[in-house]
C-alpha atoms as a PDB file:
ATOM      1  CA  MET A   1     -11.973 -11.227  13.128  1.00  0.00           C
ATOM      2  CA  ALA A   2      -8.374 -11.077  11.814  1.00  0.00           C
ATOM      3  CA  LYS A   3      -7.416  -7.809  10.006  1.00  0.00           C
ATOM      4  CA  TYR A   4      -5.009  -8.356   7.145  1.00  0.00           C
ATOM      5  CA  SER A   5      -2.512  -5.809   6.534  1.00  0.00           C
ATOM      6  CA  GLU A   6      -2.236  -4.141   2.786  1.00  0.00           C
ATOM      7  CA  ALA A   7       1.419  -6.008   2.594  1.00  0.00           C
ATOM      8  CA  GLN A   8      -0.185  -9.267   3.298  1.00  0.00           C
ATOM      9  CA  LYS A   9      -2.906  -8.668   0.786  1.00  0.00           C
ATOM     10  CA  LYS A  10      -0.614  -7.660  -1.614  1.00  0.00           C
ATOM     11  CA  ALA A  11       1.556 -10.753  -1.098  1.00  0.00           C
ATOM     12  CA  VAL A  12      -1.264 -13.019  -1.438  1.00  0.00           C
ATOM     13  CA  ALA A  13      -2.559 -11.360  -4.850  1.00  0.00           C
ATOM     14  CA  LYS A  14       0.971 -11.593  -6.261  1.00  0.00           C
ATOM     15  CA  TYR A  15       0.902 -15.275  -5.098  1.00  0.00           C
ATOM     16  CA  ASN A  16      -2.327 -15.908  -6.775  1.00  0.00           C
ATOM     17  CA  ALA A  17      -1.540 -14.097 -10.001  1.00  0.00           C
ATOM     18  CA  LYS A  18       1.844 -16.097 -10.224  1.00  0.00           C
ATOM     19  CA  THR A  19       0.059 -19.510  -9.453  1.00  0.00           C
ATOM     20  CA  TYR A  20      -3.429 -19.383 -10.750  1.00  0.00           C
ATOM     21  CA  ASP A  21      -5.303 -18.676 -13.805  1.00  0.00           C
ATOM     22  CA  GLU A  22      -8.870 -17.309 -13.629  1.00  0.00           C
ATOM     23  CA  ILE A  23     -11.967 -18.151 -15.536  1.00  0.00           C
ATOM     24  CA  LYS A  24     -15.174 -16.048 -15.125  1.00  0.00           C
ATOM     25  CA  ILE A  25     -18.250 -17.851 -16.102  1.00  0.00           C
ATOM     26  CA  ARG A  26     -21.943 -16.646 -16.245  1.00  0.00           C
ATOM     27  CA  VAL A  27     -24.721 -18.484 -15.280  1.00  0.00           C
ATOM     28  CA  LYS A  28     -28.710 -17.837 -15.254  1.00  0.00           C
ATOM     29  CA  LYS A  29     -30.157 -16.090 -12.693  1.00  0.00           C
ATOM     30  CA  GLY A  30     -30.630 -18.390  -9.556  1.00  0.00           C
ATOM     31  CA  ALA A  31     -28.293 -20.972 -10.953  1.00  0.00           C
ATOM     32  CA  LYS A  32     -25.433 -19.663  -8.847  1.00  0.00           C
ATOM     33  CA  ALA A  33     -27.300 -20.524  -5.587  1.00  0.00           C
ATOM     34  CA  VAL A  34     -28.209 -23.851  -7.117  1.00  0.00           C
ATOM     35  CA  ILE A  35     -24.711 -24.677  -7.587  1.00  0.00           C
ATOM     36  CA  SER A  36     -23.311 -23.447  -4.399  1.00  0.00           C
ATOM     37  CA  ASP A  37     -25.870 -25.473  -2.671  1.00  0.00           C
ATOM     38  CA  TYR A  38     -25.244 -28.571  -4.245  1.00  0.00           C
ATOM     39  CA  ALA A  39     -21.442 -28.002  -3.702  1.00  0.00           C
ATOM     40  CA  ALA A  40     -22.032 -27.283  -0.276  1.00  0.00           C
ATOM     41  CA  ALA A  41     -24.153 -30.509   0.118  1.00  0.00           C
ATOM     42  CA  LYS A  42     -21.163 -32.359  -1.260  1.00  0.00           C
ATOM     43  CA  GLY A  43     -18.555 -30.866   1.212  1.00  0.00           C
ATOM     44  CA  LYS A  44     -16.931 -28.663  -1.537  1.00  0.00           C
ATOM     45  CA  SER A  45     -16.541 -25.418  -2.383  1.00  0.00           C
ATOM     46  CA  THR A  46     -18.120 -24.077  -5.650  1.00  0.00           C
ATOM     47  CA  ASN A  47     -14.540 -23.786  -7.246  1.00  0.00           C
ATOM     48  CA  GLY A  48     -13.818 -27.140  -5.800  1.00  0.00           C
ATOM     49  CA  LEU A  49     -16.701 -28.697  -7.567  1.00  0.00           C
ATOM     50  CA  VAL A  50     -16.167 -26.788 -10.904  1.00  0.00           C
ATOM     51  CA  ASN A  51     -12.391 -28.083 -10.868  1.00  0.00           C
ATOM     52  CA  GLU A  52     -13.491 -31.626 -10.039  1.00  0.00           C
ATOM     53  CA  LEU A  53     -16.011 -31.687 -12.856  1.00  0.00           C
ATOM     54  CA  LEU A  54     -13.669 -30.259 -15.256  1.00  0.00           C
ATOM     55  CA  GLU A  55     -10.912 -32.799 -14.361  1.00  0.00           C
ATOM     56  CA  ALA A  56     -13.547 -35.464 -14.910  1.00  0.00           C
ATOM     57  CA  GLU A  57     -14.088 -34.505 -18.433  1.00  0.00           C
ATOM     58  CA  ILE A  58     -10.651 -33.155 -19.324  1.00  0.00           C
ATOM     59  CA  PRO A  59      -7.893 -35.662 -18.562  1.00  0.00           C
ATOM     60  CA  ALA A  60      -5.193 -33.308 -19.252  1.00  0.00           C
ATOM     61  CA  LEU A  61      -6.000 -31.487 -16.294  1.00  0.00           C
ATOM     62  CA  LYS A  62      -5.298 -33.979 -14.167  1.00  0.00           C
ATOM     63  CA  ASP A  63      -1.746 -34.076 -15.617  1.00  0.00           C
ATOM     64  CA  ILE A  64      -1.297 -30.513 -14.875  1.00  0.00           C
ATOM     65  CA  LYS A  65      -2.441 -31.013 -11.169  1.00  0.00           C
ATOM     66  CA  ARG A  66      -0.135 -34.012 -10.842  1.00  0.00           C
ATOM     67  CA  ASN A  67       2.817 -32.039 -12.244  1.00  0.00           C
ATOM     68  CA  LYS A  68       2.283 -29.331  -9.792  1.00  0.00           C
ATOM     69  CA  THR A  69       2.320 -31.634  -6.804  1.00  0.00           C
ATOM     70  CA  GLU A  70       5.304 -33.567  -7.826  1.00  0.00           C
END
């Protein structure tokens, strides 16, 4: 297993803080496993699944994603 230096961890944390916003959600006990299993069955991460579902409901999120890749 690869070991990461403190400098590398710090650099990743700095990049993530600059690039991403974080949202914490709460679900009922047991729901997390159901969501994770569903995402895995679709070949996605839980985070990827949530982002995909949000983008399907909120068109402005697609614009943000598109502008970041241009």
